[in-house]
């Protein structure tokens, strides 16, 4: 008969306390904007997204309105004539469906639009296209401790 040592018992209890939950399809939904910088106005564009778009999304995360966001810069090409991809991800359909109402609240709370060199958004960037309701097909692994 084997005796279980306290070390073995601890390891077994630790492993039993961790649950792995694997979902076949994520409930996350994203929106993606493909943005072209106009007439070399990179500084104005980056400023606009850092001090407006990013601030609103940081506020949205704190209030539980969105799951995540990301600004991605990519080389411009004729096949893909954009410089930035703006991604906002919602944890589920309920968050996604409340997006407009929630962002209107945040816009009011944040206040004035901040601009560099007093240039209006249409002068420095063009939103080429906007993709809505993008579903995530990748599996999620969530580790929960009991």
Protein backbone atom coordinates (compact mmCIF):
# COMPACT_ATOMS: atom_id res chain seq x y z
CA UNK A 1 0.00 0.00 0.00
CA UNK A 2 1.35 3.38 -1.03
CA UNK A 3 1.29 6.39 1.23
CA UNK A 4 0.37 9.72 -0.37
CA UNK A 5 2.83 12.37 0.69
CA UNK A 6 1.74 15.91 1.48
CA UNK A 7 3.60 17.10 -1.62
CA UNK A 8 1.67 14.70 -3.86
CA UNK A 9 -1.58 15.64 -2.17
CA UNK A 10 -0.89 19.34 -2.73
CA UNK A 11 -0.17 18.79 -6.43
CA UNK A 12 -3.36 16.75 -6.86
CA UNK A 13 -5.48 19.35 -5.08
CA UNK A 14 -3.92 22.14 -7.15
CA UNK A 15 -4.62 20.33 -10.42
CA UNK A 16 -8.19 19.59 -9.37
CA UNK A 17 -8.76 23.26 -8.50
CA UNK A 18 -7.96 24.43 -12.05
CA UNK A 19 -10.69 24.00 -14.63
CA UNK A 20 -10.10 24.28 -18.33
CA UNK A 21 -13.06 25.45 -20.32
CA UNK A 22 -12.73 25.07 -24.07
CA UNK A 23 -15.35 26.65 -26.30
CA UNK A 24 -15.78 25.45 -29.86
CA UNK A 25 -16.83 28.89 -31.05
CA UNK A 26 -16.22 32.15 -29.30
CA UNK A 27 -19.09 34.55 -28.55
CA UNK A 28 -16.81 37.51 -29.31
CA UNK A 29 -17.79 39.93 -32.07
CA UNK A 30 -15.51 42.55 -33.60
CA UNK A 31 -15.71 45.59 -35.84
CA UNK A 32 -12.78 46.61 -38.04
CA UNK A 33 -12.13 49.95 -39.75
CA UNK A 34 -9.61 50.19 -42.58
CA UNK A 35 -8.16 53.71 -42.58
CA UNK A 36 -6.10 55.48 -45.22
CA UNK A 37 -3.88 58.41 -44.17
CA UNK A 38 -4.53 61.31 -46.55
CA UNK A 39 -1.79 63.57 -47.99
CA UNK A 40 0.95 62.38 -45.63
CA UNK A 41 -0.88 63.58 -42.52
CA UNK A 42 0.42 60.72 -40.37
CA UNK A 43 1.05 62.83 -37.26
CA UNK A 44 -2.50 64.23 -37.30
CA UNK A 45 -3.99 60.79 -37.89
CA UNK A 46 -2.03 59.05 -35.14
CA UNK A 47 -2.79 61.92 -32.73
CA UNK A 48 -6.51 61.69 -33.53
CA UNK A 49 -6.68 57.95 -32.85
CA UNK A 50 -4.45 58.08 -29.75
CA UNK A 51 -6.31 60.97 -28.09
CA UNK A 52 -9.87 60.23 -29.19
CA UNK A 53 -10.49 56.69 -30.46
CA UNK A 54 -8.10 55.01 -28.00
CA UNK A 55 -9.29 57.11 -25.03
CA UNK A 56 -12.92 56.18 -25.73
CA UNK A 57 -12.06 52.50 -25.93
CA UNK A 58 -10.03 52.60 -22.72
CA UNK A 59 -13.06 54.16 -21.04
CA UNK A 60 -15.27 51.47 -22.63
CA UNK A 61 -13.13 48.66 -21.19
CA UNK A 62 -13.30 50.21 -17.71
CA UNK A 63 -17.11 50.39 -17.95
CA UNK A 64 -17.43 46.86 -19.34
CA UNK A 65 -18.73 48.05 -22.74
CA UNK A 66 -16.07 46.23 -24.80
CA UNK A 67 -13.66 43.31 -24.35
CA UNK A 68 -10.63 44.75 -26.16
CA UNK A 69 -9.34 47.04 -28.90
CA UNK A 70 -6.29 47.41 -31.08
CA UNK A 71 -4.77 49.86 -33.52
CA UNK A 72 -2.64 48.12 -36.13
CA UNK A 73 -0.43 49.85 -38.68
CA UNK A 74 0.27 48.15 -41.99
CA UNK A 75 2.25 49.08 -45.10
CA UNK A 76 0.15 50.76 -47.79
CA UNK A 77 -0.12 48.95 -51.13
CA UNK A 78 -2.28 49.15 -54.26
CA UNK A 79 -3.93 45.85 -53.29
CA UNK A 80 -4.57 47.06 -49.73
CA UNK A 81 -4.69 50.87 -49.89
CA UNK A 82 -4.93 51.52 -46.15
CA UNK A 83 -2.47 52.31 -43.37
CA UNK A 84 -4.37 51.46 -40.20
CA UNK A 85 -6.76 48.78 -38.98
CA UNK A 86 -8.85 49.71 -35.94
CA UNK A 87 -10.31 46.70 -34.16
CA UNK A 88 -12.90 46.80 -31.40
CA UNK A 89 -13.97 43.49 -29.87
CA UNK A 90 -17.11 42.87 -27.81
CA UNK A 91 -17.37 39.90 -25.46
CA UNK A 92 -20.79 38.86 -26.79
CA UNK A 93 -23.83 39.85 -28.82
CA UNK A 94 -25.34 41.87 -25.95
CA UNK A 95 -22.26 44.13 -25.72
CA UNK A 96 -22.17 44.42 -29.49
CA UNK A 97 -25.83 45.43 -29.75
CA UNK A 98 -25.35 48.17 -27.13
CA UNK A 99 -22.26 49.63 -28.84
CA UNK A 100 -23.83 52.77 -30.35
CA UNK A 101 -25.70 53.74 -27.19
CA UNK A 102 -22.66 53.07 -25.00
CA UNK A 103 -20.23 55.00 -27.20
CA UNK A 104 -22.62 57.99 -27.32
CA UNK A 105 -22.50 58.09 -23.51
CA UNK A 106 -18.69 57.94 -23.58
CA UNK A 107 -18.40 60.66 -26.23
CA UNK A 108 -20.49 62.98 -24.03
CA UNK A 109 -18.42 62.06 -20.98
CA UNK A 110 -15.08 62.57 -22.76
CA UNK A 111 -16.00 65.93 -24.19
CA UNK A 112 -14.28 67.87 -26.91
CA UNK A 113 -12.62 66.18 -29.89
CA UNK A 114 -8.84 66.66 -29.72
CA UNK A 115 -7.12 67.53 -33.00
CA UNK A 116 -3.53 68.25 -34.02
CA UNK A 117 -2.92 71.43 -36.08
CA UNK A 118 -6.68 72.17 -36.08
CA UNK A 119 -7.17 69.77 -38.99
CA UNK A 120 -10.57 68.09 -39.21
CA UNK A 121 -10.65 64.28 -39.60
CA UNK A 122 -11.69 64.46 -43.28
CA UNK A 123 -8.48 66.40 -43.99
CA UNK A 124 -6.09 63.74 -42.69
CA UNK A 125 -7.80 60.35 -42.88
CA UNK A 126 -10.30 58.41 -44.94
CA UNK A 127 -12.19 55.40 -43.62
CA UNK A 128 -12.09 53.18 -46.71
CA UNK A 129 -14.44 50.56 -45.35
CA UNK A 130 -15.91 49.30 -42.13
CA UNK A 131 -16.65 45.66 -41.31
CA UNK A 132 -19.33 44.90 -38.71
CA UNK A 133 -20.42 41.79 -36.88
CA UNK A 134 -17.19 39.84 -37.39
CA UNK A 135 -17.46 36.59 -35.47
CA UNK A 136 -14.46 34.84 -33.94
CA UNK A 137 -14.08 31.23 -35.01
CA UNK A 138 -11.02 30.45 -32.93
CA UNK A 139 -11.29 28.37 -29.82
CA UNK A 140 -10.82 30.10 -26.51
CA UNK A 141 -9.05 28.57 -23.58
CA UNK A 142 -10.09 30.04 -20.25
CA UNK A 143 -8.33 28.99 -17.08
CA UNK A 144 -10.44 29.33 -13.96
CA UNK A 145 -9.19 28.78 -10.47
CA UNK A 146 -11.67 27.49 -7.92
